Amino acid sequence: MTMMQCTYRDHLITAEVMEYPGTPTPWAGGCRITDSAGNVTRRMPLPLEHAFMDELGKAQRLSIAHGKWLVDQHLDHGRQLFQHAA
């Protein structure tokens, strides 16, 4: 399986798609985001109503798009992406 990545607004977004063989929609979309300081998110799944797809490429592209949206929410609206130790 090929890994899809992109750099967006100084963040590395990596599609992290999981396979569930034997189902009509075996690809579950999700992503991980790494910032320039090396902080990495947990796997951020797509919203449930859009999470499962029938094609790997589609799942990867939507996972990257979701990651870009999350970066925008983080930078423009203060959404917390990274877990910090207390």
N, C-alpha and C. Protein backbone atom coordinates (compact mmCIF):
# COMPACT_ATOMS: atom_id res chain seq x y z
N MET A 1 0.85 -1.17 0.00
CA MET A 1 0.00 0.00 0.00
C MET A 1 0.90 1.24 0.00
N THR A 2 0.59 2.19 -0.84
CA THR A 2 1.36 3.42 -0.87
C THR A 2 0.88 4.37 0.21
N MET A 3 1.83 5.18 0.71
CA MET A 3 1.49 6.14 1.75
C MET A 3 1.34 7.51 1.08
N MET A 4 0.26 8.19 1.38
CA MET A 4 0.04 9.51 0.83
C MET A 4 0.31 10.53 1.93
N GLN A 5 1.13 11.54 1.59
CA GLN A 5 1.47 12.62 2.52
C GLN A 5 1.46 13.94 1.78
N CYS A 6 1.30 15.01 2.54
CA CYS A 6 1.47 16.34 1.98
C CYS A 6 1.88 17.29 3.10
N THR A 7 2.51 18.37 2.72
CA THR A 7 2.84 19.42 3.67
C THR A 7 1.86 20.56 3.42
N TYR A 8 1.23 21.02 4.49
CA TYR A 8 0.22 22.06 4.40
C TYR A 8 0.39 22.99 5.59
N ARG A 9 0.63 24.27 5.30
CA ARG A 9 0.78 25.29 6.35
C ARG A 9 1.79 24.84 7.41
N ASP A 10 2.92 24.32 6.96
CA ASP A 10 4.03 23.91 7.82
C ASP A 10 3.69 22.71 8.70
N HIS A 11 2.73 21.89 8.29
CA HIS A 11 2.36 20.66 8.98
C HIS A 11 2.41 19.51 7.97
N LEU A 12 2.95 18.38 8.40
CA LEU A 12 2.97 17.18 7.56
C LEU A 12 1.70 16.38 7.86
N ILE A 13 0.93 16.12 6.82
CA ILE A 13 -0.30 15.34 6.95
C ILE A 13 -0.06 14.00 6.27
N THR A 14 -0.30 12.92 7.02
CA THR A 14 -0.12 11.57 6.50
C THR A 14 -1.46 10.85 6.54
N ALA A 15 -1.89 10.36 5.38
CA ALA A 15 -3.12 9.55 5.35
C ALA A 15 -2.83 8.23 6.06
N GLU A 16 -3.68 7.88 6.99
CA GLU A 16 -3.55 6.62 7.70
C GLU A 16 -4.86 5.86 7.56
N VAL A 17 -4.91 5.09 6.47
CA VAL A 17 -6.13 4.37 6.09
C VAL A 17 -6.03 2.94 6.61
N MET A 18 -7.08 2.46 7.21
CA MET A 18 -7.13 1.10 7.73
C MET A 18 -8.02 0.25 6.83
N GLU A 19 -7.61 -1.01 6.64
CA GLU A 19 -8.37 -1.92 5.78
C GLU A 19 -9.17 -2.91 6.62
N TYR A 20 -10.41 -3.10 6.20
CA TYR A 20 -11.30 -4.10 6.80
C TYR A 20 -11.75 -5.03 5.68
N PRO A 21 -10.94 -6.06 5.36
CA PRO A 21 -11.26 -6.95 4.23
C PRO A 21 -12.61 -7.65 4.40
N GLY A 22 -13.22 -7.97 3.26
CA GLY A 22 -14.46 -8.72 3.27
C GLY A 22 -15.71 -7.88 3.44
N THR A 23 -15.55 -6.57 3.45
CA THR A 23 -16.72 -5.70 3.56
C THR A 23 -16.87 -4.91 2.26
N PRO A 24 -18.06 -4.42 1.93
CA PRO A 24 -18.25 -3.66 0.69
C PRO A 24 -17.48 -2.34 0.67
N THR A 25 -17.25 -1.77 1.84
CA THR A 25 -16.48 -0.51 1.94
C THR A 25 -15.33 -0.76 2.92
N PRO A 26 -14.23 -1.38 2.42
CA PRO A 26 -13.18 -1.86 3.33
C PRO A 26 -12.17 -0.82 3.78
N TRP A 27 -12.24 0.41 3.32
CA TRP A 27 -11.20 1.39 3.64
C TRP A 27 -11.73 2.46 4.59
N ALA A 28 -11.13 2.54 5.77
CA ALA A 28 -11.51 3.53 6.79
C ALA A 28 -10.49 4.66 6.77
N GLY A 29 -10.94 5.85 6.44
CA GLY A 29 -10.05 7.00 6.32
C GLY A 29 -9.66 7.59 7.66
N GLY A 30 -8.47 8.17 7.70
CA GLY A 30 -7.96 8.85 8.88
C GLY A 30 -6.59 9.44 8.57
N CYS A 31 -6.08 10.26 9.47
CA CYS A 31 -4.79 10.88 9.22
C CYS A 31 -4.04 11.13 10.53
N ARG A 32 -2.75 11.37 10.38
CA ARG A 32 -1.91 11.85 11.48
C ARG A 32 -1.30 13.16 11.02
N ILE A 33 -1.11 14.07 11.96
CA ILE A 33 -0.56 15.38 11.63
C ILE A 33 0.67 15.61 12.49
N THR A 34 1.75 16.06 11.85
CA THR A 34 2.99 16.38 12.54
C THR A 34 3.30 17.85 12.31
N ASP A 35 3.57 18.59 13.40
CA ASP A 35 3.91 20.01 13.23
C ASP A 35 5.43 20.17 13.13
N SER A 36 5.89 21.39 12.91
CA SER A 36 7.32 21.65 12.69
C SER A 36 8.17 21.39 13.94
N ALA A 37 7.54 21.32 15.12
CA ALA A 37 8.27 21.03 16.36
C ALA A 37 8.36 19.53 16.62
N GLY A 38 7.76 18.71 15.75
CA GLY A 38 7.81 17.27 15.91
C GLY A 38 6.67 16.67 16.70
N ASN A 39 5.69 17.47 17.10
CA ASN A 39 4.50 16.95 17.78
C ASN A 39 3.66 16.17 16.77
N VAL A 40 3.16 15.01 17.19
CA VAL A 40 2.36 14.15 16.31
C VAL A 40 1.02 13.87 16.98
N THR A 41 -0.04 13.94 16.20
CA THR A 41 -1.38 13.63 16.72
C THR A 41 -1.56 12.12 16.79
N ARG A 42 -2.59 11.71 17.49
CA ARG A 42 -3.07 10.33 17.38
C ARG A 42 -3.69 10.21 15.99
N ARG A 43 -4.12 9.03 15.60
CA ARG A 43 -4.84 8.87 14.33
C ARG A 43 -6.17 9.60 14.46
N MET A 44 -6.43 10.50 13.53
CA MET A 44 -7.65 11.29 13.53
C MET A 44 -8.58 10.71 12.45
N PRO A 45 -9.59 9.92 12.85
CA PRO A 45 -10.47 9.30 11.86
C PRO A 45 -11.41 10.32 11.22
N LEU A 46 -11.86 9.98 10.04
CA LEU A 46 -12.89 10.79 9.40
C LEU A 46 -14.18 10.64 10.21
N PRO A 47 -15.08 11.62 10.12
CA PRO A 47 -16.38 11.48 10.80
C PRO A 47 -17.06 10.19 10.34
N LEU A 48 -17.74 9.52 11.24
CA LEU A 48 -18.30 8.19 10.99
C LEU A 48 -19.13 8.11 9.71
N GLU A 49 -19.94 9.12 9.44
CA GLU A 49 -20.80 9.05 8.25
C GLU A 49 -20.01 9.11 6.94
N HIS A 50 -18.71 9.46 7.00
CA HIS A 50 -17.86 9.52 5.80
C HIS A 50 -16.62 8.64 5.93
N ALA A 51 -16.54 7.82 6.96
CA ALA A 51 -15.30 7.13 7.30
C ALA A 51 -14.95 5.97 6.37
N PHE A 52 -15.94 5.26 5.84
CA PHE A 52 -15.66 4.04 5.09
C PHE A 52 -15.90 4.24 3.60
N MET A 53 -14.92 3.78 2.79
CA MET A 53 -14.99 3.95 1.34
C MET A 53 -14.65 2.66 0.62
N ASP A 54 -15.04 2.60 -0.66
CA ASP A 54 -14.80 1.40 -1.45
C ASP A 54 -13.47 1.41 -2.19
N GLU A 55 -12.77 2.55 -2.25
CA GLU A 55 -11.50 2.64 -2.97
C GLU A 55 -10.42 3.23 -2.08
N LEU A 56 -9.23 2.62 -2.11
CA LEU A 56 -8.10 3.08 -1.32
C LEU A 56 -7.73 4.52 -1.68
N GLY A 57 -7.62 4.82 -2.96
CA GLY A 57 -7.22 6.17 -3.39
C GLY A 57 -8.18 7.24 -2.89
N LYS A 58 -9.47 6.93 -2.94
CA LYS A 58 -10.48 7.88 -2.46
C LYS A 58 -10.32 8.09 -0.95
N ALA A 59 -10.09 7.00 -0.23
CA ALA A 59 -9.91 7.10 1.23
C ALA A 59 -8.67 7.93 1.57
N GLN A 60 -7.60 7.77 0.81
CA GLN A 60 -6.39 8.54 1.06
C GLN A 60 -6.61 10.03 0.77
N ARG A 61 -7.22 10.33 -0.36
CA ARG A 61 -7.46 11.74 -0.72
C ARG A 61 -8.36 12.43 0.30
N LEU A 62 -9.42 11.76 0.72
CA LEU A 62 -10.32 12.35 1.71
C LEU A 62 -9.64 12.48 3.07
N SER A 63 -8.75 11.56 3.39
CA SER A 63 -8.01 11.64 4.65
C SER A 63 -7.08 12.85 4.66
N ILE A 64 -6.42 13.11 3.54
CA ILE A 64 -5.55 14.29 3.42
C ILE A 64 -6.39 15.56 3.51
N ALA A 65 -7.53 15.59 2.83
CA ALA A 65 -8.41 16.77 2.89
C ALA A 65 -8.88 17.02 4.32
N HIS A 66 -9.22 15.95 5.03
CA HIS A 66 -9.65 16.08 6.42
C HIS A 66 -8.51 16.64 7.27
N GLY A 67 -7.29 16.16 7.03
CA GLY A 67 -6.13 16.68 7.75
C GLY A 67 -5.92 18.17 7.51
N LYS A 68 -6.09 18.61 6.27
CA LYS A 68 -5.97 20.04 5.97
C LYS A 68 -7.01 20.84 6.73
N TRP A 69 -8.22 20.33 6.76
CA TRP A 69 -9.29 21.01 7.50
C TRP A 69 -8.93 21.10 8.99
N LEU A 70 -8.40 20.01 9.55
CA LEU A 70 -8.01 20.02 10.97
C LEU A 70 -6.89 21.03 11.24
N VAL A 71 -5.93 21.13 10.33
CA VAL A 71 -4.86 22.12 10.48
C VAL A 71 -5.45 23.53 10.43
N ASP A 72 -6.36 23.78 9.50
CA ASP A 72 -7.02 25.09 9.44
C ASP A 72 -7.75 25.39 10.74
N GLN A 73 -8.47 24.41 11.28
CA GLN A 73 -9.18 24.61 12.54
C GLN A 73 -8.21 24.93 13.67
N HIS A 74 -7.07 24.26 13.67
CA HIS A 74 -6.05 24.47 14.70
C HIS A 74 -5.45 25.88 14.61
N LEU A 75 -5.04 26.25 13.41
CA LEU A 75 -4.33 27.53 13.24
C LEU A 75 -5.28 28.73 13.24
N ASP A 76 -6.45 28.58 12.66
CA ASP A 76 -7.35 29.72 12.51
C ASP A 76 -8.39 29.85 13.62
N HIS A 77 -8.69 28.74 14.30
CA HIS A 77 -9.77 28.76 15.28
C HIS A 77 -9.39 28.20 16.65
N GLY A 78 -8.10 27.89 16.85
CA GLY A 78 -7.63 27.48 18.17
C GLY A 78 -7.97 26.06 18.58
N ARG A 79 -8.39 25.22 17.63
CA ARG A 79 -8.69 23.81 18.00
C ARG A 79 -7.41 23.10 18.43
N GLN A 80 -7.50 22.39 19.53
CA GLN A 80 -6.35 21.64 20.06
C GLN A 80 -6.13 20.39 19.21
N LEU A 81 -4.91 20.20 18.70
CA LEU A 81 -4.60 19.00 17.94
C LEU A 81 -3.76 18.01 18.74
N PHE A 82 -2.84 18.54 19.50
CA PHE A 82 -1.83 17.70 20.14
C PHE A 82 -2.11 17.53 21.62
N GLN A 83 -1.94 16.29 22.09
CA GLN A 83 -2.09 15.99 23.52
C GLN A 83 -0.79 16.40 24.20
N HIS A 84 -0.86 17.19 25.24
CA HIS A 84 0.32 17.60 25.98
C HIS A 84 0.26 16.99 27.37
N ALA A 85 1.40 16.50 27.85
CA ALA A 85 1.45 15.92 29.20
C ALA A 85 1.18 16.97 30.24
N ALA A 86 0.45 16.59 31.28
CA ALA A 86 0.10 17.53 32.36
C ALA A 86 1.24 17.69 33.33
